[in-house]
Amino acid sequence: MGEVFVGGDPFLAQGAESVKHCAKETGAACTGLLALAGKDMEVRGNSDGTRVEFRLYAFETAEQAGTALKSLAGKERKKSDERGDPTQPVTVASGADETDAFHDDATAEAFMRIGAVVAHAYTTETKPGALEHVAKVQVERVRTVAGKNAGY
């Protein structure tokens, strides 16, 4: 994301800890989850609330990842509806195998499946097109890393 964004340290959870976190986030069992990781970033020197969050969920199979993608996206849509701010679909050409993207008044989110990995990009107070940019960055990074590891 270049030098425009700064953020805290990335986090990683594996095994039972990752499954517990995923189940809380999705409301689903998260069968086959191997690990999850994330990083939150904000615009350097800016206090307007511009924020990007990345989450990665690595599963044993693409099918398990697809199930988690649907659960994650569904739960986030429901949260927005409960706040009285229903989501609107967004087309995001991220290069992922599967994508579900939407926005409400202040946020935009993309859930993408890249093989057996689910990537979640969440943006607040960003310009139109920012979600597609961060989604492409995330998909490219997952493909680069996955290509270096057996099992992708």
Protein backbone atom coordinates (compact mmCIF):
# COMPACT_ATOMS: atom_id res chain seq x y z
CA MET A 1 0.00 0.00 0.00
CA GLY A 2 3.04 2.21 -0.16
CA GLU A 3 4.02 4.86 2.34
CA VAL A 4 0.57 6.46 2.47
CA PHE A 5 -0.74 3.97 5.03
CA VAL A 6 0.69 3.05 8.42
CA GLY A 7 -0.54 0.46 10.85
CA GLY A 8 0.02 -1.79 13.75
CA ASP A 9 1.73 -5.13 13.72
CA PRO A 10 0.10 -7.92 11.75
CA PHE A 11 -1.49 -10.72 13.77
CA LEU A 12 -1.60 -14.46 13.19
CA ALA A 13 -3.66 -17.22 14.81
CA GLN A 14 -3.41 -20.93 14.12
CA GLY A 15 -5.18 -24.09 15.23
CA ALA A 16 -7.97 -23.86 17.81
CA GLU A 17 -7.39 -20.13 18.35
CA SER A 18 -7.98 -19.37 14.66
CA VAL A 19 -11.09 -21.58 14.51
CA LYS A 20 -12.57 -19.86 17.59
CA HIS A 21 -11.97 -16.39 16.10
CA CYS A 22 -13.33 -17.41 12.68
CA ALA A 23 -16.46 -18.97 14.21
CA LYS A 24 -17.10 -15.72 16.09
CA GLU A 25 -16.64 -13.65 12.91
CA THR A 26 -18.70 -15.89 10.63
CA GLY A 27 -21.24 -17.59 12.84
CA ALA A 28 -20.13 -20.83 11.13
CA ALA A 29 -17.97 -23.78 12.20
CA CYS A 30 -14.96 -22.78 10.03
CA THR A 31 -14.23 -26.40 9.18
CA GLY A 32 -10.76 -26.90 7.72
CA LEU A 33 -9.36 -23.54 8.85
CA LEU A 34 -5.59 -23.75 9.20
CA ALA A 35 -4.74 -20.16 10.14
CA LEU A 36 -5.91 -16.58 9.96
CA ALA A 37 -3.98 -13.35 9.82
CA GLY A 38 -4.69 -9.66 9.55
CA LYS A 39 -3.39 -6.13 9.50
CA ASP A 40 -5.11 -2.79 10.10
CA MET A 41 -3.86 0.39 8.45
CA GLU A 42 -4.69 4.09 8.55
CA VAL A 43 -3.66 7.02 6.40
CA ARG A 44 -0.41 8.50 7.71
CA GLY A 45 -0.92 11.80 9.55
CA ASN A 46 -4.65 11.94 8.82
CA SER A 47 -7.39 11.86 11.43
CA ASP A 48 -10.41 11.69 9.08
CA GLY A 49 -11.07 8.00 9.75
CA THR A 50 -9.67 6.61 6.50
CA ARG A 51 -8.85 3.00 7.30
CA VAL A 52 -8.10 -0.29 5.55
CA GLU A 53 -8.25 -3.69 7.23
CA PHE A 54 -7.06 -6.95 5.71
CA ARG A 55 -7.92 -10.44 6.93
CA LEU A 56 -6.77 -13.75 5.48
CA TYR A 57 -8.30 -17.13 6.28
CA ALA A 58 -6.37 -20.19 5.02
CA PHE A 59 -8.41 -23.39 4.65
CA GLU A 60 -7.59 -26.96 3.68
CA THR A 61 -9.82 -26.83 0.57
CA ALA A 62 -11.31 -24.28 -1.80
CA GLU A 63 -14.78 -25.60 -0.97
CA GLN A 64 -14.29 -24.85 2.73
CA ALA A 65 -13.02 -21.39 1.83
CA GLY A 66 -16.10 -20.77 -0.34
CA THR A 67 -18.41 -21.71 2.52
CA ALA A 68 -16.57 -19.35 4.87
CA LEU A 69 -16.70 -16.52 2.30
CA LYS A 70 -20.49 -16.80 2.13
CA SER A 71 -20.78 -16.87 5.94
CA LEU A 72 -18.46 -13.88 6.43
CA ALA A 73 -20.16 -11.75 3.79
CA GLY A 74 -23.62 -12.69 5.04
CA LYS A 75 -22.81 -11.79 8.62
CA GLU A 76 -21.34 -8.40 7.61
CA ARG A 77 -24.40 -7.58 5.50
CA LYS A 78 -26.64 -8.48 8.43
CA LYS A 79 -24.66 -6.17 10.78
CA SER A 80 -25.10 -3.30 8.34
CA ASP A 81 -28.83 -3.98 7.99
CA GLU A 82 -29.21 -4.06 11.78
CA ARG A 83 -27.56 -0.61 11.97
CA GLY A 84 -30.19 0.65 9.54
CA ASP A 85 -27.63 1.12 6.78
CA PRO A 86 -28.35 -1.60 4.19
CA THR A 87 -25.54 -2.57 1.86
CA GLN A 88 -25.41 -2.11 -1.88
CA PRO A 89 -23.53 -4.51 -4.17
CA VAL A 90 -20.24 -3.34 -5.69
CA THR A 91 -18.46 -4.79 -8.70
CA VAL A 92 -14.81 -5.41 -7.85
CA ALA A 93 -12.49 -6.81 -10.53
CA SER A 94 -9.93 -8.23 -8.13
CA GLY A 95 -8.80 -11.30 -10.05
CA ALA A 96 -10.06 -13.63 -7.31
CA ASP A 97 -11.75 -16.97 -8.01
CA GLU A 98 -14.89 -15.71 -6.25
CA THR A 99 -15.82 -12.24 -4.98
CA ASP A 100 -18.64 -10.77 -2.91
CA ALA A 101 -18.35 -7.01 -2.47
CA PHE A 102 -20.66 -4.31 -1.13
CA HIS A 103 -20.76 -0.89 0.52
CA ASP A 104 -22.93 1.13 2.88
CA ASP A 105 -22.73 4.85 3.67
CA ALA A 106 -19.30 4.76 5.33
CA THR A 107 -17.66 1.42 4.53
CA ALA A 108 -16.90 -0.86 1.60
CA GLU A 109 -15.94 -4.52 1.86
CA ALA A 110 -14.76 -7.25 -0.47
CA PHE A 111 -14.63 -10.95 0.37
CA MET A 112 -12.51 -12.86 -2.11
CA ARG A 113 -11.65 -16.52 -2.48
CA ILE A 114 -8.25 -17.25 -3.98
CA GLY A 115 -7.95 -21.04 -4.06
CA ALA A 116 -8.29 -22.19 -0.44
CA VAL A 117 -7.74 -18.69 1.00
CA VAL A 118 -10.41 -16.13 1.84
CA ALA A 119 -9.23 -12.53 1.79
CA HIS A 120 -11.34 -9.80 3.37
CA ALA A 121 -10.61 -6.17 2.53
CA TYR A 122 -12.51 -3.57 4.56
CA THR A 123 -12.26 0.17 3.91
CA THR A 124 -13.72 3.20 5.63
CA GLU A 125 -13.99 6.77 4.42
CA THR A 126 -12.13 6.05 1.18
CA LYS A 127 -12.62 7.35 -2.34
CA PRO A 128 -14.58 5.33 -4.91
CA GLY A 129 -12.33 2.76 -6.47
CA ALA A 130 -10.21 2.37 -3.34
CA LEU A 131 -11.86 -0.95 -2.50
CA GLU A 132 -10.97 -2.37 -5.90
CA HIS A 133 -7.39 -1.20 -5.49
CA VAL A 134 -6.91 -2.78 -2.06
CA ALA A 135 -8.70 -5.95 -3.25
CA LYS A 136 -6.32 -6.29 -6.20
CA VAL A 137 -3.32 -5.74 -3.92
CA GLN A 138 -4.54 -8.45 -1.57
CA VAL A 139 -5.31 -10.99 -4.31
CA GLU A 140 -1.94 -10.39 -5.97
CA ARG A 141 -0.15 -10.87 -2.67
CA VAL A 142 -2.02 -14.11 -1.86
CA ARG A 143 -1.30 -15.51 -5.32
CA THR A 144 2.39 -14.60 -5.00
CA VAL A 145 2.76 -16.22 -1.59
CA ALA A 146 0.58 -19.23 -2.44
CA GLY A 147 2.60 -19.88 -5.57
CA LYS A 148 5.66 -20.38 -3.39
CA ASN A 149 3.93 -23.01 -1.20
CA ALA A 150 2.84 -26.53 -2.08
CA GLY A 151 -0.86 -27.24 -1.92
CA TYR A 152 -2.20 -24.17 -3.67
